[in-house]
């Protein structure tokens, strides 16, 4: 898995795209900061119809890099993001993908 990384320098928002969305995709965005144990806002984009995790959106990427380096003692943040994406994929529950339900289980 090699995520495509885009950083908007004016807003300091990072986009990590893992998969391309299908034509018939039903895309939802949900916060996963609590599940990952992070203070910075991390959002996951998922296609609930085709059951695919499309990628992550990280707000305030500079603060995220500082937090991750301190918490996980990791200098290469890009490698750690691969692990975070795997964590999100493993904890995602597509069966409870209703309009009101939470999609990610908070098990650690």
PDB file of N, CA and C in Angstrom:
ATOM      1  N   UNK A   1       0.848  -1.170   0.000  1.00  0.00           N
ATOM      2  CA  UNK A   1       0.000   0.000   0.000  1.00  0.00           C
ATOM      3  C   UNK A   1       0.894   1.234   0.000  1.00  0.00           C
ATOM      4  N   UNK A   2       0.697   2.078  -0.991  1.00  0.00           N
ATOM      5  CA  UNK A   2       1.467   3.306  -1.113  1.00  0.00           C
ATOM      6  C   UNK A   2       0.493   4.467  -1.249  1.00  0.00           C
ATOM      7  N   UNK A   3       0.201   5.175  -0.155  1.00  0.00           N
ATOM      8  CA  UNK A   3      -0.767   6.269  -0.255  1.00  0.00           C
ATOM      9  C   UNK A   3      -0.199   7.441  -1.045  1.00  0.00           C
ATOM     10  N   UNK A   4      -1.075   8.068  -1.828  1.00  0.00           N
ATOM     11  CA  UNK A   4      -0.718   9.287  -2.531  1.00  0.00           C
ATOM     12  C   UNK A   4      -0.948  10.449  -1.576  1.00  0.00           C
ATOM     13  N   UNK A   5       0.051  11.291  -1.421  1.00  0.00           N
ATOM     14  CA  UNK A   5       0.015  12.350  -0.422  1.00  0.00           C
ATOM     15  C   UNK A   5      -0.098  13.699  -1.115  1.00  0.00           C
ATOM     16  N   UNK A   6      -1.059  14.504  -0.657  1.00  0.00           N
ATOM     17  CA  UNK A   6      -1.193  15.877  -1.116  1.00  0.00           C
ATOM     18  C   UNK A   6      -1.277  16.761   0.111  1.00  0.00           C
ATOM     19  N   UNK A   7      -0.509  17.840   0.117  1.00  0.00           N
ATOM     20  CA  UNK A   7      -0.525  18.792   1.230  1.00  0.00           C
ATOM     21  C   UNK A   7      -0.892  20.153   0.685  1.00  0.00           C
ATOM     22  N   UNK A   8      -1.992  20.696   1.174  1.00  0.00           N
ATOM     23  CA  UNK A   8      -2.397  22.046   0.805  1.00  0.00           C
ATOM     24  C   UNK A   8      -1.678  23.004   1.753  1.00  0.00           C
ATOM     25  N   UNK A   9      -0.712  23.723   1.234  1.00  0.00           N
ATOM     26  CA  UNK A   9       0.138  24.559   2.088  1.00  0.00           C
ATOM     27  C   UNK A   9      -0.587  25.780   2.640  1.00  0.00           C
ATOM     28  N   UNK A  10      -1.642  26.229   1.986  1.00  0.00           N
ATOM     29  CA  UNK A  10      -2.354  27.395   2.496  1.00  0.00           C
ATOM     30  C   UNK A  10      -3.244  27.041   3.680  1.00  0.00           C
ATOM     31  N   UNK A  11      -3.838  25.854   3.671  1.00  0.00           N
ATOM     32  CA  UNK A  11      -4.713  25.447   4.770  1.00  0.00           C
ATOM     33  C   UNK A  11      -4.048  24.476   5.735  1.00  0.00           C
ATOM     34  N   UNK A  12      -2.880  23.929   5.351  1.00  0.00           N
ATOM     35  CA  UNK A  12      -2.135  22.961   6.162  1.00  0.00           C
ATOM     36  C   UNK A  12      -2.948  21.680   6.403  1.00  0.00           C
ATOM     37  N   UNK A  13      -3.707  21.272   5.377  1.00  0.00           N
ATOM     38  CA  UNK A  13      -4.487  20.045   5.426  1.00  0.00           C
ATOM     39  C   UNK A  13      -3.819  19.029   4.509  1.00  0.00           C
ATOM     40  N   UNK A  14      -3.634  17.808   5.009  1.00  0.00           N
ATOM     41  CA  UNK A  14      -3.007  16.739   4.220  1.00  0.00           C
ATOM     42  C   UNK A  14      -4.064  15.717   3.820  1.00  0.00           C
ATOM     43  N   UNK A  15      -3.956  15.250   2.580  1.00  0.00           N
ATOM     44  CA  UNK A  15      -4.850  14.235   2.043  1.00  0.00           C
ATOM     45  C   UNK A  15      -4.017  13.011   1.678  1.00  0.00           C
ATOM     46  N   UNK A  16      -4.369  11.867   2.242  1.00  0.00           N
ATOM     47  CA  UNK A  16      -3.688  10.607   1.966  1.00  0.00           C
ATOM     48  C   UNK A  16      -4.697   9.686   1.281  1.00  0.00           C
ATOM     49  N   UNK A  17      -4.563   9.563  -0.025  1.00  0.00           N
ATOM     50  CA  UNK A  17      -5.479   8.738  -0.807  1.00  0.00           C
ATOM     51  C   UNK A  17      -4.881   7.358  -0.987  1.00  0.00           C
ATOM     52  N   UNK A  18      -5.627   6.333  -0.577  1.00  0.00           N
ATOM     53  CA  UNK A  18      -5.182   4.951  -0.683  1.00  0.00           C
ATOM     54  C   UNK A  18      -5.813   4.284  -1.897  1.00  0.00           C
ATOM     55  N   UNK A  19      -7.099   4.521  -2.108  1.00  0.00           N
ATOM     56  CA  UNK A  19      -7.858   3.920  -3.204  1.00  0.00           C
ATOM     57  C   UNK A  19      -8.609   5.013  -3.947  1.00  0.00           C
ATOM     58  N   UNK A  20      -8.935   4.734  -5.197  1.00  0.00           N
ATOM     59  CA  UNK A  20      -9.784   5.618  -5.989  1.00  0.00           C
ATOM     60  C   UNK A  20     -11.241   5.240  -5.756  1.00  0.00           C
ATOM     61  N   UNK A  21     -12.100   6.236  -5.744  1.00  0.00           N
ATOM     62  CA  UNK A  21     -13.529   5.988  -5.553  1.00  0.00           C
ATOM     63  C   UNK A  21     -14.145   5.461  -6.843  1.00  0.00           C
ATOM     64  N   UNK A  22     -15.052   4.524  -6.708  1.00  0.00           N
ATOM     65  CA  UNK A  22     -15.772   3.969  -7.855  1.00  0.00           C
ATOM     66  C   UNK A  22     -16.830   4.956  -8.320  1.00  0.00           C
ATOM     67  N   UNK A  23     -17.360   4.712  -9.492  1.00  0.00           N
ATOM     68  CA  UNK A  23     -18.398   5.590 -10.048  1.00  0.00           C
ATOM     69  C   UNK A  23     -19.662   5.603  -9.188  1.00  0.00           C
ATOM     70  N   UNK A  24     -20.009   4.462  -8.603  1.00  0.00           N
ATOM     71  CA  UNK A  24     -21.230   4.349  -7.806  1.00  0.00           C
ATOM     72  C   UNK A  24     -20.968   4.491  -6.303  1.00  0.00           C
ATOM     73  N   UNK A  25     -19.895   5.149  -5.935  1.00  0.00           N
ATOM     74  CA  UNK A  25     -19.475   5.235  -4.532  1.00  0.00           C
ATOM     75  C   UNK A  25     -20.435   6.065  -3.695  1.00  0.00           C
ATOM     76  N   UNK A  26     -20.625   5.613  -2.464  1.00  0.00           N
ATOM     77  CA  UNK A  26     -21.341   6.371  -1.442  1.00  0.00           C
ATOM     78  C   UNK A  26     -20.287   6.692  -0.388  1.00  0.00           C
ATOM     79  N   UNK A  27     -19.831   7.937  -0.388  1.00  0.00           N
ATOM     80  CA  UNK A  27     -18.676   8.313   0.434  1.00  0.00           C
ATOM     81  C   UNK A  27     -19.140   8.985   1.710  1.00  0.00           C
ATOM     82  N   UNK A  28     -18.561   8.545   2.825  1.00  0.00           N
ATOM     83  CA  UNK A  28     -18.788   9.160   4.140  1.00  0.00           C
ATOM     84  C   UNK A  28     -17.456   9.531   4.740  1.00  0.00           C
ATOM     85  N   UNK A  29     -17.466  10.552   5.570  1.00  0.00           N
ATOM     86  CA  UNK A  29     -16.270  11.016   6.258  1.00  0.00           C
ATOM     87  C   UNK A  29     -16.571  10.991   7.750  1.00  0.00           C
ATOM     88  N   UNK A  30     -15.638  10.415   8.521  1.00  0.00           N
ATOM     89  CA  UNK A  30     -15.841  10.300   9.964  1.00  0.00           C
ATOM     90  C   UNK A  30     -14.527  10.555  10.698  1.00  0.00           C
ATOM     91  N   UNK A  31     -14.612  11.154  11.848  1.00  0.00           N
ATOM     92  CA  UNK A  31     -13.426  11.408  12.654  1.00  0.00           C
ATOM     93  C   UNK A  31     -12.935  10.115  13.304  1.00  0.00           C
ATOM     94  N   UNK A  32     -11.622   9.897  13.259  1.00  0.00           N
ATOM     95  CA  UNK A  32     -11.018   8.714  13.881  1.00  0.00           C
ATOM     96  C   UNK A  32      -9.939   9.104  14.888  1.00  0.00           C
ATOM     97  N   UNK A  33      -9.901  10.361  15.259  1.00  0.00           N
ATOM     98  CA  UNK A  33      -8.869  10.841  16.182  1.00  0.00           C
ATOM     99  C   UNK A  33      -8.924  10.116  17.520  1.00  0.00           C
ATOM    100  N   UNK A  34     -10.127   9.947  18.068  1.00  0.00           N
ATOM    101  CA  UNK A  34     -10.276   9.280  19.365  1.00  0.00           C
ATOM    102  C   UNK A  34      -9.832   7.823  19.302  1.00  0.00           C
ATOM    103  N   UNK A  35     -10.196   7.147  18.231  1.00  0.00           N
ATOM    104  CA  UNK A  35      -9.846   5.732  18.091  1.00  0.00           C
ATOM    105  C   UNK A  35      -8.332   5.558  17.966  1.00  0.00           C
ATOM    106  N   UNK A  36      -7.687   6.493  17.266  1.00  0.00           N
ATOM    107  CA  UNK A  36      -6.236   6.421  17.104  1.00  0.00           C
ATOM    108  C   UNK A  36      -5.486   7.004  18.301  1.00  0.00           C
ATOM    109  N   UNK A  37      -6.203   7.644  19.215  1.00  0.00           N
ATOM    110  CA  UNK A  37      -5.576   8.219  20.400  1.00  0.00           C
ATOM    111  C   UNK A  37      -4.792   9.486  20.106  1.00  0.00           C
ATOM    112  N   UNK A  38      -5.278  10.282  19.165  1.00  0.00           N
ATOM    113  CA  UNK A  38      -4.585  11.502  18.769  1.00  0.00           C
ATOM    114  C   UNK A  38      -5.414  12.726  19.118  1.00  0.00           C
ATOM    115  N   UNK A  39      -4.747  13.826  19.421  1.00  0.00           N
ATOM    116  CA  UNK A  39      -5.433  15.084  19.700  1.00  0.00           C
ATOM    117  C   UNK A  39      -5.763  15.828  18.414  1.00  0.00           C
ATOM    118  N   UNK A  40      -4.928  15.688  17.401  1.00  0.00           N
ATOM    119  CA  UNK A  40      -5.160  16.346  16.121  1.00  0.00           C
ATOM    120  C   UNK A  40      -6.336  15.689  15.407  1.00  0.00           C
ATOM    121  N   UNK A  41      -7.031  16.477  14.595  1.00  0.00           N
ATOM    122  CA  UNK A  41      -8.203  15.963  13.891  1.00  0.00           C
ATOM    123  C   UNK A  41      -7.781  15.129  12.679  1.00  0.00           C
ATOM    124  N   UNK A  42      -8.157  13.843  12.708  1.00  0.00           N
ATOM    125  CA  UNK A  42      -7.901  12.920  11.613  1.00  0.00           C
ATOM    126  C   UNK A  42      -9.244  12.357  11.170  1.00  0.00           C
ATOM    127  N   UNK A  43      -9.526  12.477   9.885  1.00  0.00           N
ATOM    128  CA  UNK A  43     -10.781  12.004   9.317  1.00  0.00           C
ATOM    129  C   UNK A  43     -10.496  10.875   8.344  1.00  0.00           C
ATOM    130  N   UNK A  44     -11.398   9.917   8.259  1.00  0.00           N
ATOM    131  CA  UNK A  44     -11.278   8.821   7.294  1.00  0.00           C
ATOM    132  C   UNK A  44     -12.381   8.992   6.256  1.00  0.00           C
ATOM    133  N   UNK A  45     -12.038   8.749   5.003  1.00  0.00           N
ATOM    134  CA  UNK A  45     -13.010   8.758   3.914  1.00  0.00           C
ATOM    135  C   UNK A  45     -13.245   7.312   3.492  1.00  0.00           C
ATOM    136  N   UNK A  46     -14.515   6.899   3.488  1.00  0.00           N
ATOM    137  CA  UNK A  46     -14.843   5.514   3.149  1.00  0.00           C
ATOM    138  C   UNK A  46     -15.964   5.481   2.114  1.00  0.00           C
ATOM    139  N   UNK A  47     -15.912   4.456   1.295  1.00  0.00           N
ATOM    140  CA  UNK A  47     -16.991   4.139   0.360  1.00  0.00           C
ATOM    141  C   UNK A  47     -17.787   3.024   1.025  1.00  0.00           C
ATOM    142  N   UNK A  48     -18.948   3.369   1.591  1.00  0.00           N
ATOM    143  CA  UNK A  48     -19.702   2.375   2.351  1.00  0.00           C
ATOM    144  C   UNK A  48     -20.430   1.394   1.445  1.00  0.00           C
ATOM    145  N   UNK A  49     -20.661   1.767   0.197  1.00  0.00           N
ATOM    146  CA  UNK A  49     -21.336   0.855  -0.719  1.00  0.00           C
ATOM    147  C   UNK A  49     -20.410  -0.280  -1.159  1.00  0.00           C
ATOM    148  N   UNK A  50     -19.165   0.047  -1.504  1.00  0.00           N
ATOM    149  CA  UNK A  50     -18.204  -0.946  -1.976  1.00  0.00           C
ATOM    150  C   UNK A  50     -17.264  -1.437  -0.870  1.00  0.00           C
ATOM    151  N   UNK A  51     -17.454  -0.941   0.351  1.00  0.00           N
ATOM    152  CA  UNK A  51     -16.689  -1.347   1.535  1.00  0.00           C
ATOM    153  C   UNK A  51     -15.187  -1.167   1.337  1.00  0.00           C
ATOM    154  N   UNK A  52     -14.809   0.083   1.016  1.00  0.00           N
ATOM    155  CA  UNK A  52     -13.407   0.416   0.774  1.00  0.00           C
ATOM    156  C   UNK A  52     -13.040   1.659   1.573  1.00  0.00           C
ATOM    157  N   UNK A  53     -11.891   1.619   2.249  1.00  0.00           N
ATOM    158  CA  UNK A  53     -11.330   2.804   2.884  1.00  0.00           C
ATOM    159  C   UNK A  53     -10.563   3.557   1.810  1.00  0.00           C
ATOM    160  N   UNK A  54     -10.977   4.798   1.553  1.00  0.00           N
ATOM    161  CA  UNK A  54     -10.385   5.573   0.468  1.00  0.00           C
ATOM    162  C   UNK A  54      -9.157   6.362   0.901  1.00  0.00           C
ATOM    163  N   UNK A  55      -9.119   6.804   2.155  1.00  0.00           N
ATOM    164  CA  UNK A  55      -7.953   7.556   2.605  1.00  0.00           C
ATOM    165  C   UNK A  55      -8.213   8.336   3.876  1.00  0.00           C
ATOM    166  N   UNK A  56      -7.231   9.143   4.244  1.00  0.00           N
ATOM    167  CA  UNK A  56      -7.295   9.964   5.445  1.00  0.00           C
ATOM    168  C   UNK A  56      -7.192  11.438   5.073  1.00  0.00           C
ATOM    169  N   UNK A  57      -7.809  12.272   5.897  1.00  0.00           N
ATOM    170  CA  UNK A  57      -7.672  13.723   5.810  1.00  0.00           C
ATOM    171  C   UNK A  57      -7.180  14.179   7.171  1.00  0.00           C
ATOM    172  N   UNK A  58      -6.053  14.884   7.188  1.00  0.00           N
ATOM    173  CA  UNK A  58      -5.467  15.321   8.452  1.00  0.00           C
ATOM    174  C   UNK A  58      -5.447  16.843   8.475  1.00  0.00           C
ATOM    175  N   UNK A  59      -6.187  17.403   9.416  1.00  0.00           N
ATOM    176  CA  UNK A  59      -6.191  18.843   9.585  1.00  0.00           C
ATOM    177  C   UNK A  59      -4.997  19.246  10.443  1.00  0.00           C
ATOM    178  N   UNK A  60      -4.426  20.394  10.168  1.00  0.00           N
ATOM    179  CA  UNK A  60      -3.235  20.920  10.853  1.00  0.00           C
ATOM    180  C   UNK A  60      -2.114  19.879  10.844  1.00  0.00           C
ATOM    181  N   UNK A  61      -1.607  19.628   9.667  1.00  0.00           N
ATOM    182  CA  UNK A  61      -0.621  18.571   9.455  1.00  0.00           C
ATOM    183  C   UNK A  61       0.664  18.801  10.243  1.00  0.00           C
ATOM    184  N   UNK A  62       1.075  20.054  10.412  1.00  0.00           N
ATOM    185  CA  UNK A  62       2.298  20.330  11.198  1.00  0.00           C
ATOM    186  C   UNK A  62       2.136  19.876  12.654  1.00  0.00           C
ATOM    187  N   UNK A  63       0.990  20.178  13.248  1.00  0.00           N
ATOM    188  CA  UNK A  63       0.737  19.745  14.622  1.00  0.00           C
ATOM    189  C   UNK A  63       0.633  18.228  14.694  1.00  0.00           C
ATOM    190  N   UNK A  64       0.038  17.610  13.674  1.00  0.00           N
ATOM    191  CA  UNK A  64      -0.052  16.154  13.623  1.00  0.00           C
ATOM    192  C   UNK A  64       1.342  15.534  13.595  1.00  0.00           C
ATOM    193  N   UNK A  65       2.235  16.062  12.776  1.00  0.00           N
ATOM    194  CA  UNK A  65       3.593  15.520  12.692  1.00  0.00           C
ATOM    195  C   UNK A  65       4.307  15.632  14.033  1.00  0.00           C
ATOM    196  N   UNK A  66       4.164  16.759  14.704  1.00  0.00           N
ATOM    197  CA  UNK A  66       4.788  16.919  16.030  1.00  0.00           C
ATOM    198  C   UNK A  66       4.229  15.903  17.021  1.00  0.00           C
ATOM    199  N   UNK A  67       2.904  15.761  17.042  1.00  0.00           N
ATOM    200  CA  UNK A  67       2.271  14.839  17.986  1.00  0.00           C
ATOM    201  C   UNK A  67       2.692  13.394  17.734  1.00  0.00           C
ATOM    202  N   UNK A  68       2.711  12.989  16.486  1.00  0.00           N
ATOM    203  CA  UNK A  68       3.062  11.616  16.135  1.00  0.00           C
ATOM    204  C   UNK A  68       4.531  11.340  16.450  1.00  0.00           C
ATOM    205  N   UNK A  69       5.391  12.291  16.171  1.00  0.00           N
ATOM    206  CA  UNK A  69       6.814  12.102  16.469  1.00  0.00           C
ATOM    207  C   UNK A  69       7.053  11.952  17.965  1.00  0.00           C
ATOM    208  N   UNK A  70       6.318  12.715  18.765  1.00  0.00           N
ATOM    209  CA  UNK A  70       6.471  12.626  20.218  1.00  0.00           C
ATOM    210  C   UNK A  70       5.843  11.341  20.773  1.00  0.00           C
ATOM    211  N   UNK A  71       4.660  11.004  20.288  1.00  0.00           N
ATOM    212  CA  UNK A  71       3.926   9.863  20.834  1.00  0.00           C
ATOM    213  C   UNK A  71       4.548   8.536  20.430  1.00  0.00           C
ATOM    214  N   UNK A  72       4.909   8.389  19.159  1.00  0.00           N
ATOM    215  CA  UNK A  72       5.392   7.112  18.651  1.00  0.00           C
ATOM    216  C   UNK A  72       6.904   7.068  18.429  1.00  0.00           C
ATOM    217  N   UNK A  73       7.577   8.163  18.757  1.00  0.00           N
ATOM    218  CA  UNK A  73       9.023   8.265  18.568  1.00  0.00           C
ATOM    219  C   UNK A  73       9.407   7.887  17.141  1.00  0.00           C
ATOM    220  N   UNK A  74       8.642   8.423  16.200  1.00  0.00           N
ATOM    221  CA  UNK A  74       8.848   8.108  14.789  1.00  0.00           C
ATOM    222  C   UNK A  74       9.272   9.368  14.055  1.00  0.00           C
ATOM    223  N   UNK A  75      10.342   9.273  13.312  1.00  0.00           N
ATOM    224  CA  UNK A  75      10.791  10.418  12.537  1.00  0.00           C
ATOM    225  C   UNK A  75      10.129  10.428  11.162  1.00  0.00           C
ATOM    226  N   UNK A  76       9.930   9.255  10.566  1.00  0.00           N
ATOM    227  CA  UNK A  76       9.313   9.149   9.244  1.00  0.00           C
ATOM    228  C   UNK A  76       7.793   9.049   9.405  1.00  0.00           C
ATOM    229  N   UNK A  77       7.134  10.163   9.354  1.00  0.00           N
ATOM    230  CA  UNK A  77       5.693  10.222   9.570  1.00  0.00           C
ATOM    231  C   UNK A  77       4.943   9.474   8.473  1.00  0.00           C
ATOM    232  N   UNK A  78       5.463   9.489   7.246  1.00  0.00           N
ATOM    233  CA  UNK A  78       4.790   8.811   6.137  1.00  0.00           C
ATOM    234  C   UNK A  78       4.682   7.315   6.380  1.00  0.00           C
ATOM    235  N   UNK A  79       5.712   6.708   6.952  1.00  0.00           N
ATOM    236  CA  UNK A  79       5.662   5.270   7.268  1.00  0.00           C
ATOM    237  C   UNK A  79       4.630   4.983   8.358  1.00  0.00           C
ATOM    238  N   UNK A  80       4.548   5.872   9.322  1.00  0.00           N
ATOM    239  CA  UNK A  80       3.592   5.690  10.406  1.00  0.00           C
ATOM    240  C   UNK A  80       2.157   5.848   9.910  1.00  0.00           C
ATOM    241  N   UNK A  81       1.952   6.681   8.922  1.00  0.00           N
ATOM    242  CA  UNK A  81       0.612   6.854   8.370  1.00  0.00           C
ATOM    243  C   UNK A  81       0.128   5.557   7.742  1.00  0.00           C
ATOM    244  N   UNK A  82       1.042   4.782   7.128  1.00  0.00           N
ATOM    245  CA  UNK A  82       0.660   3.458   6.614  1.00  0.00           C
ATOM    246  C   UNK A  82       0.096   2.590   7.736  1.00  0.00           C
ATOM    247  N   UNK A  83       0.719   2.635   8.899  1.00  0.00           N
ATOM    248  CA  UNK A  83       0.229   1.857  10.044  1.00  0.00           C
ATOM    249  C   UNK A  83      -1.114   2.378  10.541  1.00  0.00           C
ATOM    250  N   UNK A  84      -1.296   3.699  10.547  1.00  0.00           N
ATOM    251  CA  UNK A  84      -2.565   4.272  10.977  1.00  0.00           C
ATOM    252  C   UNK A  84      -3.691   3.876  10.021  1.00  0.00           C
ATOM    253  N   UNK A  85      -3.399   3.853   8.720  1.00  0.00           N
ATOM    254  CA  UNK A  85      -4.406   3.443   7.750  1.00  0.00           C
ATOM    255  C   UNK A  85      -4.777   1.977   7.961  1.00  0.00           C
ATOM    256  N   UNK A  86      -3.786   1.133   8.240  1.00  0.00           N
ATOM    257  CA  UNK A  86      -4.071  -0.284   8.537  1.00  0.00           C
ATOM    258  C   UNK A  86      -4.934  -0.419   9.778  1.00  0.00           C
ATOM    259  N   UNK A  87      -4.676   0.397  10.792  1.00  0.00           N
ATOM    260  CA  UNK A  87      -5.459   0.376  12.025  1.00  0.00           C
ATOM    261  C   UNK A  87      -6.909   0.768  11.755  1.00  0.00           C
ATOM    262  N   UNK A  88      -7.087   1.792  10.928  1.00  0.00           N
ATOM    263  CA  UNK A  88      -8.435   2.233  10.589  1.00  0.00           C
ATOM    264  C   UNK A  88      -9.160   1.157   9.797  1.00  0.00           C
ATOM    265  N   UNK A  89      -8.475   0.547   8.834  1.00  0.00           N
ATOM    266  CA  UNK A  89      -9.102  -0.511   8.024  1.00  0.00           C
ATOM    267  C   UNK A  89      -9.514  -1.697   8.883  1.00  0.00           C
ATOM    268  N   UNK A  90      -8.687  -2.056   9.849  1.00  0.00           N
ATOM    269  CA  UNK A  90      -9.005  -3.227  10.671  1.00  0.00           C
ATOM    270  C   UNK A  90     -10.153  -2.966  11.637  1.00  0.00           C
ATOM    271  N   UNK A  91     -10.349  -1.725  12.052  1.00  0.00           N
ATOM    272  CA  UNK A  91     -11.401  -1.424  13.010  1.00  0.00           C
ATOM    273  C   UNK A  91     -12.691  -0.946  12.400  1.00  0.00           C
ATOM    274  N   UNK A  92     -12.749  -0.881  11.081  1.00  0.00           N
ATOM    275  CA  UNK A  92     -13.928  -0.324  10.443  1.00  0.00           C
ATOM    276  C   UNK A  92     -15.031  -1.358  10.325  1.00  0.00           C
ATOM    277  N   UNK A  93     -16.244  -0.955  10.656  1.00  0.00           N
ATOM    278  CA  UNK A  93     -17.396  -1.840  10.632  1.00  0.00           C
ATOM    279  C   UNK A  93     -18.368  -1.351   9.557  1.00  0.00           C
ATOM    280  N   UNK A  94     -18.302  -1.929   8.380  1.00  0.00           N
ATOM    281  CA  UNK A  94     -19.158  -1.506   7.283  1.00  0.00           C
ATOM    282  C   UNK A  94     -20.600  -1.969   7.466  1.00  0.00           C
ATOM    283  N   UNK A  95     -20.833  -2.985   8.271  1.00  0.00           N
ATOM    284  CA  UNK A  95     -22.187  -3.497   8.458  1.00  0.00           C
ATOM    285  C   UNK A  95     -23.060  -2.500   9.209  1.00  0.00           C
ATOM    286  N   UNK A  96     -22.478  -1.658  10.046  1.00  0.00           N
ATOM    287  CA  UNK A  96     -23.270  -0.673  10.790  1.00  0.00           C
ATOM    288  C   UNK A  96     -23.233   0.678  10.101  1.00  0.00           C
ATOM    289  N   UNK A  97     -23.154   0.673   8.796  1.00  0.00           N
ATOM    290  CA  UNK A  97     -23.017   1.914   8.030  1.00  0.00           C
ATOM    291  C   UNK A  97     -24.382   2.541   7.749  1.00  0.00           C
ATOM    292  N   UNK A  98     -25.095   2.829   8.792  1.00  0.00           N
ATOM    293  CA  UNK A  98     -26.355   3.538   8.613  1.00  0.00           C
ATOM    294  C   UNK A  98     -26.080   5.035   8.647  1.00  0.00           C
ATOM    295  N   UNK A  99     -27.064   5.821   8.383  1.00  0.00           N
ATOM    296  CA  UNK A  99     -26.875   7.270   8.347  1.00  0.00           C
ATOM    297  C   UNK A  99     -26.566   7.852   9.718  1.00  0.00           C
ATOM    298  N   UNK A 100     -27.041   7.219  10.781  1.00  0.00           N
ATOM    299  CA  UNK A 100     -26.853   7.755  12.120  1.00  0.00           C
ATOM    300  C   UNK A 100     -25.774   7.034  12.926  1.00  0.00           C
ATOM    301  N   UNK A 101     -25.397   5.830  12.518  1.00  0.00           N
ATOM    302  CA  UNK A 101     -24.486   5.019  13.324  1.00  0.00           C
ATOM    303  C   UNK A 101     -23.032   5.373  13.119  1.00  0.00           C
ATOM    304  N   UNK A 102     -22.245   5.092  14.132  1.00  0.00           N
ATOM    305  CA  UNK A 102     -20.808   5.278  14.021  1.00  0.00           C
ATOM    306  C   UNK A 102     -20.227   4.097  13.275  1.00  0.00           C
ATOM    307  N   UNK A 103     -19.276   4.386  12.426  1.00  0.00           N
ATOM    308  CA  UNK A 103     -18.735   3.352  11.570  1.00  0.00           C
ATOM    309  C   UNK A 103     -17.486   2.686  12.127  1.00  0.00           C
ATOM    310  N   UNK A 104     -16.834   3.327  13.058  1.00  0.00           N
ATOM    311  CA  UNK A 104     -15.577   2.791  13.556  1.00  0.00           C
ATOM    312  C   UNK A 104     -15.746   2.374  15.005  1.00  0.00           C
ATOM    313  N   UNK A 105     -15.303   1.170  15.329  1.00  0.00           N
ATOM    314  CA  UNK A 105     -15.382   0.702  16.695  1.00  0.00           C
ATOM    315  C   UNK A 105     -14.188   1.227  17.482  1.00  0.00           C
ATOM    316  N   UNK A 106     -14.393   1.497  18.732  1.00  0.00           N
ATOM    317  CA  UNK A 106     -13.362   2.122  19.548  1.00  0.00           C
ATOM    318  C   UNK A 106     -12.524   1.111  20.309  1.00  0.00           C
ATOM    319  N   UNK A 107     -12.321  -0.055  19.773  1.00  0.00           N
ATOM    320  CA  UNK A 107     -11.469  -1.043  20.424  1.00  0.00           C
ATOM    321  C   UNK A 107     -10.028  -0.758  20.095  1.00  0.00           C
ATOM    322  N   UNK A 108      -9.159  -0.937  21.074  1.00  0.00           N
ATOM    323  CA  UNK A 108      -7.721  -0.695  20.867  1.00  0.00           C
ATOM    324  C   UNK A 108      -6.956  -1.933  21.095  1.00  0.00           C
TER     325      UNK A 108
END
